[in-house]
Amino acid sequence: VHASLSTDMSAVLMPRFDGKSALKTIKKDKVTTVIA
């Protein structure tokens, strides 16, 4: 949260992780950064 807010980067919030939803989000939103 803080790192994304401290830059111009957008935070794409995903309240509950699962691989299928994460892949869909990465693909759709062109996610560049993941913390895991």
PDB file of all heavy atoms in Angstrom:
ATOM      1  N   VAL A   1       0.821  -1.206   0.000  1.00  0.00           N
ATOM      2  CA  VAL A   1       0.000   0.000   0.000  1.00  0.00           C
ATOM      3  C   VAL A   1       0.857   1.260   0.000  1.00  0.00           C
ATOM      4  O   VAL A   1       0.743   2.095  -0.894  1.00  0.00           O
ATOM      5  CB  VAL A   1      -0.983   0.005   1.199  1.00  0.00           C
ATOM      6  CG1 VAL A   1      -1.789   1.280   1.217  1.00  0.00           C
ATOM      7  CG2 VAL A   1      -1.907  -1.207   1.116  1.00  0.00           C
ATOM      8  N   HIS A   2       1.737   1.398   0.978  1.00  0.00           N
ATOM      9  CA  HIS A   2       2.519   2.634   1.085  1.00  0.00           C
ATOM     10  C   HIS A   2       3.432   2.867  -0.115  1.00  0.00           C
ATOM     11  O   HIS A   2       3.543   3.998  -0.601  1.00  0.00           O
ATOM     12  CB  HIS A   2       3.333   2.665   2.370  1.00  0.00           C
ATOM     13  CG  HIS A   2       2.499   2.820   3.594  1.00  0.00           C
ATOM     14  ND1 HIS A   2       3.006   2.640   4.848  1.00  0.00           N
ATOM     15  CD2 HIS A   2       1.183   3.134   3.776  1.00  0.00           C
ATOM     16  CE1 HIS A   2       2.041   2.832   5.747  1.00  0.00           C
ATOM     17  NE2 HIS A   2       0.942   3.134   5.116  1.00  0.00           N
ATOM     18  N   ALA A   3       4.092   1.815  -0.590  1.00  0.00           N
ATOM     19  CA  ALA A   3       5.008   1.992  -1.723  1.00  0.00           C
ATOM     20  C   ALA A   3       4.257   2.445  -2.970  1.00  0.00           C
ATOM     21  O   ALA A   3       4.724   3.338  -3.684  1.00  0.00           O
ATOM     22  CB  ALA A   3       5.780   0.714  -2.004  1.00  0.00           C
ATOM     23  N   SER A   4       3.109   1.850  -3.224  1.00  0.00           N
ATOM     24  CA  SER A   4       2.370   2.276  -4.415  1.00  0.00           C
ATOM     25  C   SER A   4       1.828   3.694  -4.251  1.00  0.00           C
ATOM     26  O   SER A   4       1.822   4.476  -5.199  1.00  0.00           O
ATOM     27  CB  SER A   4       1.254   1.288  -4.758  1.00  0.00           C
ATOM     28  OG  SER A   4       0.332   1.157  -3.711  1.00  0.00           O
ATOM     29  N   LEU A   5       1.398   4.057  -3.042  1.00  0.00           N
ATOM     30  CA  LEU A   5       0.894   5.411  -2.804  1.00  0.00           C
ATOM     31  C   LEU A   5       2.003   6.459  -2.819  1.00  0.00           C
ATOM     32  O   LEU A   5       1.743   7.642  -3.051  1.00  0.00           O
ATOM     33  CB  LEU A   5       0.150   5.478  -1.465  1.00  0.00           C
ATOM     34  CG  LEU A   5      -1.180   4.730  -1.395  1.00  0.00           C
ATOM     35  CD1 LEU A   5      -1.730   4.764   0.016  1.00  0.00           C
ATOM     36  CD2 LEU A   5      -2.189   5.299  -2.381  1.00  0.00           C
ATOM     37  N   SER A   6       3.249   6.032  -2.562  1.00  0.00           N
ATOM     38  CA  SER A   6       4.385   6.955  -2.531  1.00  0.00           C
ATOM     39  C   SER A   6       4.954   7.224  -3.916  1.00  0.00           C
ATOM     40  O   SER A   6       5.919   7.966  -4.060  1.00  0.00           O
ATOM     41  CB  SER A   6       5.495   6.388  -1.642  1.00  0.00           C
ATOM     42  OG  SER A   6       5.037   6.257  -0.323  1.00  0.00           O
ATOM     43  N   THR A   7       4.373   6.607  -4.918  1.00  0.00           N
ATOM     44  CA  THR A   7       4.807   6.792  -6.309  1.00  0.00           C
ATOM     45  C   THR A   7       3.566   7.120  -7.130  1.00  0.00           C
ATOM     46  O   THR A   7       2.473   7.242  -6.594  1.00  0.00           O
ATOM     47  CB  THR A   7       5.449   5.497  -6.852  1.00  0.00           C
ATOM     48  OG1 THR A   7       4.452   4.471  -6.907  1.00  0.00           O
ATOM     49  CG2 THR A   7       6.608   5.038  -5.987  1.00  0.00           C
ATOM     50  N   ASP A   8       3.731   7.218  -8.416  1.00  0.00           N
ATOM     51  CA  ASP A   8       2.581   7.418  -9.301  1.00  0.00           C
ATOM     52  C   ASP A   8       1.951   6.091  -9.711  1.00  0.00           C
ATOM     53  O   ASP A   8       1.054   6.048 -10.544  1.00  0.00           O
ATOM     54  CB  ASP A   8       3.009   8.187 -10.559  1.00  0.00           C
ATOM     55  CG  ASP A   8       3.317   9.635 -10.279  1.00  0.00           C
ATOM     56  OD1 ASP A   8       2.762  10.177  -9.304  1.00  0.00           O
ATOM     57  OD2 ASP A   8       4.109  10.232 -11.033  1.00  0.00           O
ATOM     58  N   MET A   9       2.432   4.996  -9.145  1.00  0.00           N
ATOM     59  CA  MET A   9       1.963   3.666  -9.481  1.00  0.00           C
ATOM     60  C   MET A   9       0.543   3.444  -8.949  1.00  0.00           C
ATOM     61  O   MET A   9       0.193   3.922  -7.879  1.00  0.00           O
ATOM     62  CB  MET A   9       2.938   2.654  -8.859  1.00  0.00           C
ATOM     63  CG  MET A   9       2.537   1.225  -8.938  1.00  0.00           C
ATOM     64  SD  MET A   9       3.753   0.032  -8.292  1.00  0.00           S
ATOM     65  CE  MET A   9       4.805   0.931  -7.205  1.00  0.00           C
ATOM     66  N   SER A  10      -0.262   2.710  -9.691  1.00  0.00           N
ATOM     67  CA  SER A  10      -1.604   2.339  -9.240  1.00  0.00           C
ATOM     68  C   SER A  10      -1.534   1.060  -8.435  1.00  0.00           C
ATOM     69  O   SER A  10      -0.754   0.162  -8.744  1.00  0.00           O
ATOM     70  CB  SER A  10      -2.526   2.100 -10.442  1.00  0.00           C
ATOM     71  OG  SER A  10      -2.668   3.253 -11.215  1.00  0.00           O
ATOM     72  N   ALA A  11      -2.363   0.970  -7.416  1.00  0.00           N
ATOM     73  CA  ALA A  11      -2.494  -0.266  -6.636  1.00  0.00           C
ATOM     74  C   ALA A  11      -3.741  -0.993  -7.123  1.00  0.00           C
ATOM     75  O   ALA A  11      -4.831  -0.430  -7.137  1.00  0.00           O
ATOM     76  CB  ALA A  11      -2.621   0.047  -5.155  1.00  0.00           C
ATOM     77  N   VAL A  12      -3.569  -2.229  -7.542  1.00  0.00           N
ATOM     78  CA  VAL A  12      -4.681  -3.065  -7.973  1.00  0.00           C
ATOM     79  C   VAL A  12      -4.955  -4.016  -6.807  1.00  0.00           C
ATOM     80  O   VAL A  12      -4.203  -4.956  -6.568  1.00  0.00           O
ATOM     81  CB  VAL A  12      -4.345  -3.848  -9.262  1.00  0.00           C
ATOM     82  CG1 VAL A  12      -5.523  -4.694  -9.701  1.00  0.00           C
ATOM     83  CG2 VAL A  12      -3.902  -2.899 -10.373  1.00  0.00           C
ATOM     84  N   LEU A  13      -6.013  -3.711  -6.042  1.00  0.00           N
ATOM     85  CA  LEU A  13      -6.306  -4.469  -4.830  1.00  0.00           C
ATOM     86  C   LEU A  13      -7.032  -5.767  -5.156  1.00  0.00           C
ATOM     87  O   LEU A  13      -7.989  -5.789  -5.923  1.00  0.00           O
ATOM     88  CB  LEU A  13      -7.152  -3.634  -3.875  1.00  0.00           C
ATOM     89  CG  LEU A  13      -6.527  -2.315  -3.412  1.00  0.00           C
ATOM     90  CD1 LEU A  13      -7.490  -1.564  -2.519  1.00  0.00           C
ATOM     91  CD2 LEU A  13      -5.212  -2.554  -2.704  1.00  0.00           C
ATOM     92  N   MET A  14      -6.549  -6.844  -4.550  1.00  0.00           N
ATOM     93  CA  MET A  14      -7.141  -8.166  -4.704  1.00  0.00           C
ATOM     94  C   MET A  14      -7.280  -8.743  -3.303  1.00  0.00           C
ATOM     95  O   MET A  14      -6.310  -9.243  -2.742  1.00  0.00           O
ATOM     96  CB  MET A  14      -6.239  -9.043  -5.578  1.00  0.00           C
ATOM     97  CG  MET A  14      -6.784 -10.391  -5.864  1.00  0.00           C
ATOM     98  SD  MET A  14      -5.636 -11.259  -6.967  1.00  0.00           S
ATOM     99  CE  MET A  14      -6.603 -12.698  -7.253  1.00  0.00           C
ATOM    100  N   PRO A  15      -8.481  -8.650  -2.703  1.00  0.00           N
ATOM    101  CA  PRO A  15      -8.643  -9.030  -1.299  1.00  0.00           C
ATOM    102  C   PRO A  15      -8.335 -10.491  -0.977  1.00  0.00           C
ATOM    103  O   PRO A  15      -7.918 -10.793   0.126  1.00  0.00           O
ATOM    104  CB  PRO A  15     -10.119  -8.738  -1.013  1.00  0.00           C
ATOM    105  CG  PRO A  15     -10.600  -7.903  -2.134  1.00  0.00           C
ATOM    106  CD  PRO A  15      -9.696  -8.133  -3.292  1.00  0.00           C
ATOM    107  N   ARG A  16      -8.493 -11.362  -1.936  1.00  0.00           N
ATOM    108  CA  ARG A  16      -8.232 -12.777  -1.682  1.00  0.00           C
ATOM    109  C   ARG A  16      -7.496 -13.363  -2.876  1.00  0.00           C
ATOM    110  O   ARG A  16      -7.989 -13.297  -4.001  1.00  0.00           O
ATOM    111  CB  ARG A  16      -9.541 -13.517  -1.448  1.00  0.00           C
ATOM    112  CG  ARG A  16      -9.323 -14.930  -1.033  1.00  0.00           C
ATOM    113  CD  ARG A  16     -10.591 -15.561  -0.569  1.00  0.00           C
ATOM    114  NE  ARG A  16     -10.299 -16.898  -0.102  1.00  0.00           N
ATOM    115  CZ  ARG A  16     -11.174 -17.839  -0.008  1.00  0.00           C
ATOM    116  NH1 ARG A  16     -12.428 -17.603  -0.328  1.00  0.00           N
ATOM    117  NH2 ARG A  16     -10.830 -19.017   0.420  1.00  0.00           N
ATOM    118  N   PHE A  17      -6.338 -13.934  -2.629  1.00  0.00           N
ATOM    119  CA  PHE A  17      -5.511 -14.450  -3.717  1.00  0.00           C
ATOM    120  C   PHE A  17      -5.959 -15.818  -4.188  1.00  0.00           C
ATOM    121  O   PHE A  17      -6.216 -16.723  -3.385  1.00  0.00           O
ATOM    122  CB  PHE A  17      -4.040 -14.546  -3.274  1.00  0.00           C
ATOM    123  CG  PHE A  17      -3.154 -15.103  -4.352  1.00  0.00           C
ATOM    124  CD1 PHE A  17      -2.657 -14.267  -5.328  1.00  0.00           C
ATOM    125  CD2 PHE A  17      -2.859 -16.454  -4.406  1.00  0.00           C
ATOM    126  CE1 PHE A  17      -1.855 -14.769  -6.346  1.00  0.00           C
ATOM    127  CE2 PHE A  17      -2.055 -16.963  -5.411  1.00  0.00           C
ATOM    128  CZ  PHE A  17      -1.559 -16.118  -6.389  1.00  0.00           C
ATOM    129  N   ASP A  18      -6.040 -15.969  -5.494  1.00  0.00           N
ATOM    130  CA  ASP A  18      -6.072 -17.283  -6.125  1.00  0.00           C
ATOM    131  C   ASP A  18      -5.434 -17.103  -7.499  1.00  0.00           C
ATOM    132  O   ASP A  18      -5.506 -16.030  -8.107  1.00  0.00           O
ATOM    133  CB  ASP A  18      -7.485 -17.885  -6.188  1.00  0.00           C
ATOM    134  CG  ASP A  18      -8.379 -17.251  -7.226  1.00  0.00           C
ATOM    135  OD1 ASP A  18      -8.225 -17.574  -8.421  1.00  0.00           O
ATOM    136  OD2 ASP A  18      -9.243 -16.436  -6.850  1.00  0.00           O
ATOM    137  N   GLY A  19      -4.769 -18.129  -7.966  1.00  0.00           N
ATOM    138  CA  GLY A  19      -3.980 -18.037  -9.183  1.00  0.00           C
ATOM    139  C   GLY A  19      -4.770 -17.603 -10.399  1.00  0.00           C
ATOM    140  O   GLY A  19      -4.312 -16.759 -11.184  1.00  0.00           O
ATOM    141  N   LYS A  20      -5.949 -18.152 -10.578  1.00  0.00           N
ATOM    142  CA  LYS A  20      -6.760 -17.850 -11.759  1.00  0.00           C
ATOM    143  C   LYS A  20      -7.166 -16.373 -11.786  1.00  0.00           C
ATOM    144  O   LYS A  20      -7.052 -15.703 -12.817  1.00  0.00           O
ATOM    145  CB  LYS A  20      -7.997 -18.743 -11.774  1.00  0.00           C
ATOM    146  CG  LYS A  20      -8.800 -18.680 -13.041  1.00  0.00           C
ATOM    147  CD  LYS A  20      -9.940 -19.701 -13.014  1.00  0.00           C
ATOM    148  CE  LYS A  20     -10.746 -19.632 -14.283  1.00  0.00           C
ATOM    149  NZ  LYS A  20     -11.865 -20.596 -14.266  1.00  0.00           N
ATOM    150  N   SER A  21      -7.637 -15.855 -10.652  1.00  0.00           N
ATOM    151  CA  SER A  21      -8.026 -14.438 -10.574  1.00  0.00           C
ATOM    152  C   SER A  21      -6.811 -13.524 -10.730  1.00  0.00           C
ATOM    153  O   SER A  21      -6.902 -12.471 -11.373  1.00  0.00           O
ATOM    154  CB  SER A  21      -8.719 -14.140  -9.250  1.00  0.00           C
ATOM    155  OG  SER A  21      -9.919 -14.859  -9.151  1.00  0.00           O
ATOM    156  N   ALA A  22      -5.691 -13.916 -10.131  1.00  0.00           N
ATOM    157  CA  ALA A  22      -4.475 -13.112 -10.242  1.00  0.00           C
ATOM    158  C   ALA A  22      -4.020 -13.039 -11.697  1.00  0.00           C
ATOM    159  O   ALA A  22      -3.679 -11.956 -12.188  1.00  0.00           O
ATOM    160  CB  ALA A  22      -3.367 -13.681  -9.358  1.00  0.00           C
ATOM    161  N   LEU A  23      -4.027 -14.160 -12.401  1.00  0.00           N
ATOM    162  CA  LEU A  23      -3.640 -14.174 -13.809  1.00  0.00           C
ATOM    163  C   LEU A  23      -4.559 -13.277 -14.630  1.00  0.00           C
ATOM    164  O   LEU A  23      -4.101 -12.476 -15.451  1.00  0.00           O
ATOM    165  CB  LEU A  23      -3.655 -15.595 -14.368  1.00  0.00           C
ATOM    166  CG  LEU A  23      -3.431 -15.712 -15.877  1.00  0.00           C
ATOM    167  CD1 LEU A  23      -2.079 -15.130 -16.281  1.00  0.00           C
ATOM    168  CD2 LEU A  23      -3.564 -17.151 -16.322  1.00  0.00           C
ATOM    169  N   LYS A  24      -5.851 -13.382 -14.384  1.00  0.00           N
ATOM    170  CA  LYS A  24      -6.822 -12.552 -15.104  1.00  0.00           C
ATOM    171  C   LYS A  24      -6.537 -11.064 -14.864  1.00  0.00           C
ATOM    172  O   LYS A  24      -6.562 -10.254 -15.792  1.00  0.00           O
ATOM    173  CB  LYS A  24      -8.238 -12.908 -14.641  1.00  0.00           C
ATOM    174  CG  LYS A  24      -9.327 -12.177 -15.361  1.00  0.00           C
ATOM    175  CD  LYS A  24     -10.693 -12.640 -14.854  1.00  0.00           C
ATOM    176  CE  LYS A  24     -11.807 -11.827 -15.511  1.00  0.00           C
ATOM    177  NZ  LYS A  24     -13.131 -12.231 -15.009  1.00  0.00           N
ATOM    178  N   THR A  25      -6.237 -10.713 -13.627  1.00  0.00           N
ATOM    179  CA  THR A  25      -5.951  -9.316 -13.264  1.00  0.00           C
ATOM    180  C   THR A  25      -4.643  -8.842 -13.890  1.00  0.00           C
ATOM    181  O   THR A  25      -4.569  -7.729 -14.424  1.00  0.00           O
ATOM    182  CB  THR A  25      -5.906  -9.163 -11.732  1.00  0.00           C
ATOM    183  OG1 THR A  25      -7.169  -9.564 -11.203  1.00  0.00           O
ATOM    184  CG2 THR A  25      -5.605  -7.732 -11.319  1.00  0.00           C
ATOM    185  N   ILE A  26      -3.612  -9.668 -13.824  1.00  0.00           N
ATOM    186  CA  ILE A  26      -2.316  -9.313 -14.424  1.00  0.00           C
ATOM    187  C   ILE A  26      -2.483  -9.040 -15.916  1.00  0.00           C
ATOM    188  O   ILE A  26      -1.990  -8.047 -16.443  1.00  0.00           O
ATOM    189  CB  ILE A  26      -1.265 -10.424 -14.179  1.00  0.00           C
ATOM    190  CG1 ILE A  26      -0.898 -10.479 -12.696  1.00  0.00           C
ATOM    191  CG2 ILE A  26      -0.024 -10.221 -15.046  1.00  0.00           C
ATOM    192  CD1 ILE A  26      -0.118 -11.723 -12.288  1.00  0.00           C
ATOM    193  N   LYS A  27      -3.208  -9.916 -16.575  1.00  0.00           N
ATOM    194  CA  LYS A  27      -3.414  -9.796 -18.023  1.00  0.00           C
ATOM    195  C   LYS A  27      -4.263  -8.569 -18.362  1.00  0.00           C
ATOM    196  O   LYS A  27      -3.889  -7.760 -19.206  1.00  0.00           O
ATOM    197  CB  LYS A  27      -4.077 -11.069 -18.541  1.00  0.00           C
ATOM    198  CG  LYS A  27      -4.272 -11.091 -20.035  1.00  0.00           C
ATOM    199  CD  LYS A  27      -4.889 -12.408 -20.470  1.00  0.00           C
ATOM    200  CE  LYS A  27      -5.094 -12.449 -21.974  1.00  0.00           C
ATOM    201  NZ  LYS A  27      -5.679 -13.737 -22.391  1.00  0.00           N
ATOM    202  N   LYS A  28      -5.399  -8.422 -17.698  1.00  0.00           N
ATOM    203  CA  LYS A  28      -6.345  -7.337 -17.997  1.00  0.00           C
ATOM    204  C   LYS A  28      -5.770  -5.971 -17.672  1.00  0.00           C
ATOM    205  O   LYS A  28      -5.872  -5.035 -18.468  1.00  0.00           O
ATOM    206  CB  LYS A  28      -7.639  -7.554 -17.212  1.00  0.00           C
ATOM    207  CG  LYS A  28      -8.684  -6.453 -17.384  1.00  0.00           C
ATOM    208  CD  LYS A  28      -9.934  -6.799 -16.577  1.00  0.00           C
ATOM    209  CE  LYS A  28     -10.560  -5.655 -15.893  1.00  0.00           C
ATOM    210  NZ  LYS A  28      -9.983  -5.021 -14.791  1.00  0.00           N
ATOM    211  N   ASP A  29      -5.157  -5.823 -16.490  1.00  0.00           N
ATOM    212  CA  ASP A  29      -4.663  -4.526 -16.035  1.00  0.00           C
ATOM    213  C   ASP A  29      -3.208  -4.257 -16.394  1.00  0.00           C
ATOM    214  O   ASP A  29      -2.675  -3.211 -16.038  1.00  0.00           O
ATOM    215  CB  ASP A  29      -4.846  -4.401 -14.523  1.00  0.00           C
ATOM    216  CG  ASP A  29      -6.316  -4.345 -14.123  1.00  0.00           C
ATOM    217  OD1 ASP A  29      -7.108  -3.738 -14.864  1.00  0.00           O
ATOM    218  OD2 ASP A  29      -6.654  -4.906 -13.065  1.00  0.00           O
ATOM    219  N   LYS A  30      -2.564  -5.205 -17.064  1.00  0.00           N
ATOM    220  CA  LYS A  30      -1.144  -5.055 -17.424  1.00  0.00           C
ATOM    221  C   LYS A  30      -0.305  -4.732 -16.182  1.00  0.00           C
ATOM    222  O   LYS A  30       0.466  -3.764 -16.147  1.00  0.00           O
ATOM    223  CB  LYS A  30      -0.947  -3.979 -18.485  1.00  0.00           C
ATOM    224  CG  LYS A  30      -1.688  -4.237 -19.775  1.00  0.00           C
ATOM    225  CD  LYS A  30      -0.891  -5.123 -20.673  1.00  0.00           C
ATOM    226  CE  LYS A  30      -1.527  -5.256 -22.047  1.00  0.00           C
ATOM    227  NZ  LYS A  30      -1.862  -6.623 -22.369  1.00  0.00           N
ATOM    228  N   VAL A  31      -0.481  -5.556 -15.161  1.00  0.00           N
ATOM    229  CA  VAL A  31       0.247  -5.390 -13.898  1.00  0.00           C
ATOM    230  C   VAL A  31       1.741  -5.498 -14.168  1.00  0.00           C
ATOM    231  O   VAL A  31       2.196  -6.390 -14.882  1.00  0.00           O
ATOM    232  CB  VAL A  31      -0.225  -6.452 -12.873  1.00  0.00           C
ATOM    233  CG1 VAL A  31       0.685  -6.494 -11.659  1.00  0.00           C
ATOM    234  CG2 VAL A  31      -1.668  -6.194 -12.475  1.00  0.00           C
ATOM    235  N   THR A  32       2.507  -4.581 -13.579  1.00  0.00           N
ATOM    236  CA  THR A  32       3.960  -4.583 -13.755  1.00  0.00           C
ATOM    237  C   THR A  32       4.702  -5.076 -12.517  1.00  0.00           C
ATOM    238  O   THR A  32       5.838  -5.519 -12.611  1.00  0.00           O
ATOM    239  CB  THR A  32       4.476  -3.157 -14.074  1.00  0.00           C
ATOM    240  OG1 THR A  32       4.133  -2.287 -12.992  1.00  0.00           O
ATOM    241  CG2 THR A  32       3.903  -2.648 -15.382  1.00  0.00           C
ATOM    242  N   THR A  33       4.045  -4.991 -11.362  1.00  0.00           N
ATOM    243  CA  THR A  33       4.719  -5.302 -10.100  1.00  0.00           C
ATOM    244  C   THR A  33       3.840  -6.179  -9.229  1.00  0.00           C
ATOM    245  O   THR A  33       2.647  -5.916  -9.083  1.00  0.00           O
ATOM    246  CB  THR A  33       5.067  -4.002  -9.347  1.00  0.00           C
ATOM    247  OG1 THR A  33       5.851  -3.172 -10.210  1.00  0.00           O
ATOM    248  CG2 THR A  33       5.838  -4.279  -8.078  1.00  0.00           C
ATOM    249  N   VAL A  34       4.446  -7.215  -8.662  1.00  0.00           N
ATOM    250  CA  VAL A  34       3.741  -8.123  -7.763  1.00  0.00           C
ATOM    251  C   VAL A  34       4.583  -8.284  -6.505  1.00  0.00           C
ATOM    252  O   VAL A  34       5.807  -8.430  -6.582  1.00  0.00           O
ATOM    253  CB  VAL A  34       3.519  -9.510  -8.414  1.00  0.00           C
ATOM    254  CG1 VAL A  34       2.938 -10.507  -7.424  1.00  0.00           C
ATOM    255  CG2 VAL A  34       2.622  -9.393  -9.649  1.00  0.00           C
ATOM    256  N   ILE A  35       3.915  -8.223  -5.345  1.00  0.00           N
ATOM    257  CA  ILE A  35       4.576  -8.613  -4.101  1.00  0.00           C
ATOM    258  C   ILE A  35       3.916  -9.917  -3.683  1.00  0.00           C
ATOM    259  O   ILE A  35       2.701 -10.064  -3.780  1.00  0.00           O
ATOM    260  CB  ILE A  35       4.484  -7.532  -3.009  1.00  0.00           C
ATOM    261  CG1 ILE A  35       3.041  -7.183  -2.665  1.00  0.00           C
ATOM    262  CG2 ILE A  35       5.266  -6.301  -3.423  1.00  0.00           C
ATOM    263  CD1 ILE A  35       2.893  -6.309  -1.446  1.00  0.00           C
ATOM    264  N   ALA A  36       4.730 -10.881  -3.266  1.00  0.00           N
ATOM    265  CA  ALA A  36       4.194 -12.219  -3.052  1.00  0.00           C
ATOM    266  C   ALA A  36       4.975 -12.969  -1.980  1.00  0.00           C
ATOM    267  O   ALA A  36       6.101 -12.610  -1.644  1.00  0.00           O
ATOM    268  CB  ALA A  36       4.257 -13.009  -4.358  1.00  0.00           C
TER     269      ALA A  36
END
